[in-house]
Amino acid sequence: MSDLYPGNLLQDIRQLQRDVEEIKALLRAQPGKTTASQGWIMHSMSAPDTSAVPAGGAQLYFRGGLLRYRAAGNVSEVTLPAPVVLADMGDIVTADAGSTYTATVQQLINEIKTVVRAFRADARSKGLMQ
């Protein structure tokens, strides 16, 4: 019977080890499907094969400019709604209540204005309000 592996087996094993290490390095260098160091960055992809989603699981993916969701074993897709952008309501102006309200009611009105103005400023800073 002829020798199936002529040559130095130890040398072949060392070469295989080098090949495995090289493949590992190449795999580590591959970019991931998503990155999250500054929010999630998802690349557009085709609809996932439902068999790829584990039983009892679900998959989020991005396609055609929309974030989508698919549950295991479910072939229908649910497109998640885009974030709502609020329209600016202008400045909040109230007249002094004068003698028609007590000072407590006027203070409450002023506190509500402050909270609404802070909410509006926060929404603007986060891009949720124009």
Protein backbone atom coordinates (compact mmCIF):
# COMPACT_ATOMS: atom_id res chain seq x y z
CA MET A 1 0.00 0.00 0.00
CA SER A 2 1.36 3.42 -0.92
CA ASP A 3 1.90 6.17 1.62
CA LEU A 4 -1.09 8.59 1.43
CA TYR A 5 0.87 11.37 3.12
CA PRO A 6 4.42 11.34 1.84
CA GLY A 7 6.71 13.85 3.48
CA ASN A 8 7.13 15.11 6.98
CA LEU A 9 3.92 14.84 9.03
CA LEU A 10 5.19 17.26 11.69
CA GLN A 11 5.93 19.82 9.01
CA ASP A 12 2.42 19.35 7.58
CA ILE A 13 0.88 19.79 11.04
CA ARG A 14 2.85 23.01 11.61
CA GLN A 15 1.67 24.29 8.22
CA LEU A 16 -1.93 23.47 9.12
CA GLN A 17 -1.53 25.36 12.40
CA ARG A 18 -0.19 28.40 10.53
CA ASP A 19 -3.11 28.18 8.08
CA VAL A 20 -5.63 28.02 10.93
CA GLU A 21 -4.05 31.06 12.61
CA GLU A 22 -4.13 32.96 9.31
CA ILE A 23 -7.82 32.13 8.81
CA LYS A 24 -8.59 33.23 12.38
CA ALA A 25 -6.84 36.54 11.74
CA LEU A 26 -8.81 37.04 8.53
CA LEU A 27 -12.08 36.33 10.32
CA ARG A 28 -11.26 38.82 13.08
CA ALA A 29 -10.59 41.45 10.43
CA GLN A 30 -14.06 41.05 8.88
CA PRO A 31 -16.41 43.91 9.76
CA GLY A 32 -19.48 42.93 11.76
CA LYS A 33 -23.01 43.23 10.46
CA THR A 34 -23.66 46.02 12.94
CA THR A 35 -21.59 48.40 15.04
CA ALA A 36 -22.72 50.22 18.14
CA SER A 37 -19.92 52.41 19.45
CA GLN A 38 -21.96 55.48 18.46
CA GLY A 39 -25.42 54.01 17.94
CA TRP A 40 -26.30 51.06 15.74
CA ILE A 41 -25.17 51.16 12.14
CA MET A 42 -27.03 48.58 10.10
CA HIS A 43 -26.38 47.85 6.46
CA SER A 44 -29.26 47.25 4.09
CA MET A 45 -29.89 43.57 3.47
CA SER A 46 -32.41 41.31 1.82
CA ALA A 47 -35.16 39.78 3.91
CA PRO A 48 -33.69 37.08 6.12
CA ASP A 49 -34.54 33.46 5.57
CA THR A 50 -36.99 32.52 8.32
CA SER A 51 -35.09 29.30 8.91
CA ALA A 52 -32.11 31.43 9.97
CA VAL A 53 -34.12 32.92 12.86
CA PRO A 54 -34.00 30.65 15.91
CA ALA A 55 -37.26 29.22 17.28
CA GLY A 56 -38.84 31.69 19.67
CA GLY A 57 -36.54 34.43 18.34
CA ALA A 58 -36.81 37.39 16.05
CA GLN A 59 -34.55 39.38 13.77
CA LEU A 60 -34.27 43.11 13.20
CA TYR A 61 -32.88 44.17 9.84
CA PHE A 62 -32.67 47.20 7.62
CA ARG A 63 -33.91 47.22 4.04
CA GLY A 64 -35.01 49.94 1.66
CA GLY A 65 -34.51 52.72 4.17
CA LEU A 66 -36.77 51.05 6.73
CA LEU A 67 -36.09 49.13 9.92
CA ARG A 68 -37.93 45.79 9.76
CA TYR A 69 -38.75 42.93 12.10
CA ARG A 70 -39.30 39.26 11.39
CA ALA A 71 -40.26 36.60 13.94
CA ALA A 72 -39.14 32.98 13.74
CA GLY A 73 -41.35 30.95 11.45
CA ASN A 74 -43.26 34.05 10.40
CA VAL A 75 -42.93 35.05 6.78
CA SER A 76 -44.67 38.42 7.18
CA GLU A 77 -42.66 41.53 7.91
CA VAL A 78 -43.63 44.36 10.19
CA THR A 79 -42.10 47.68 9.26
CA LEU A 80 -41.32 49.65 12.38
CA PRO A 81 -42.56 53.24 12.30
CA ALA A 82 -40.10 56.06 11.78
CA PRO A 83 -39.51 58.36 14.75
CA VAL A 84 -42.00 61.16 15.09
CA VAL A 85 -40.68 64.66 14.54
CA LEU A 86 -42.71 67.23 16.41
CA ALA A 87 -43.56 70.59 14.86
CA ASP A 88 -42.58 73.66 16.80
CA MET A 89 -45.54 75.21 18.58
CA GLY A 90 -44.04 78.67 18.91
CA ASP A 91 -43.33 80.43 22.17
CA ILE A 92 -45.66 79.91 25.10
CA VAL A 93 -47.18 83.17 26.16
CA THR A 94 -49.59 83.69 29.02
CA ALA A 95 -50.84 86.94 30.42
CA ASP A 96 -50.44 87.69 34.07
CA ALA A 97 -53.49 86.33 35.83
CA GLY A 98 -53.78 89.45 37.90
CA SER A 99 -56.58 89.42 40.45
CA THR A 100 -58.55 86.67 38.65
CA TYR A 101 -56.29 83.90 39.95
CA THR A 102 -54.55 83.35 43.19
CA ALA A 103 -50.77 83.60 43.33
CA THR A 104 -50.59 79.80 43.63
CA VAL A 105 -52.41 79.29 40.34
CA GLN A 106 -50.17 81.87 38.63
CA GLN A 107 -47.11 80.07 40.02
CA LEU A 108 -48.44 76.76 38.68
CA ILE A 109 -48.97 78.29 35.23
CA ASN A 110 -45.40 79.62 35.26
CA GLU A 111 -44.03 76.19 36.30
CA ILE A 112 -45.95 74.48 33.48
CA LYS A 113 -44.53 76.99 30.98
CA THR A 114 -41.02 76.25 32.25
CA VAL A 115 -41.49 72.49 31.90
CA VAL A 116 -42.96 72.78 28.39
CA ARG A 117 -40.15 75.10 27.29
CA ALA A 118 -37.55 72.66 28.66
CA PHE A 119 -39.28 69.76 26.87
CA ARG A 120 -39.27 71.72 23.62
CA ALA A 121 -35.58 72.63 23.97
CA ASP A 122 -34.69 69.00 24.72
CA ALA A 123 -36.72 67.73 21.74
CA ARG A 124 -35.00 70.25 19.47
CA SER A 125 -31.54 69.26 20.69
CA LYS A 126 -32.30 65.60 19.93
CA GLY A 127 -33.68 66.32 16.47
CA LEU A 128 -37.23 65.39 17.44
CA MET A 129 -38.59 68.88 16.84
CA GLN A 130 -37.92 71.27 14.01
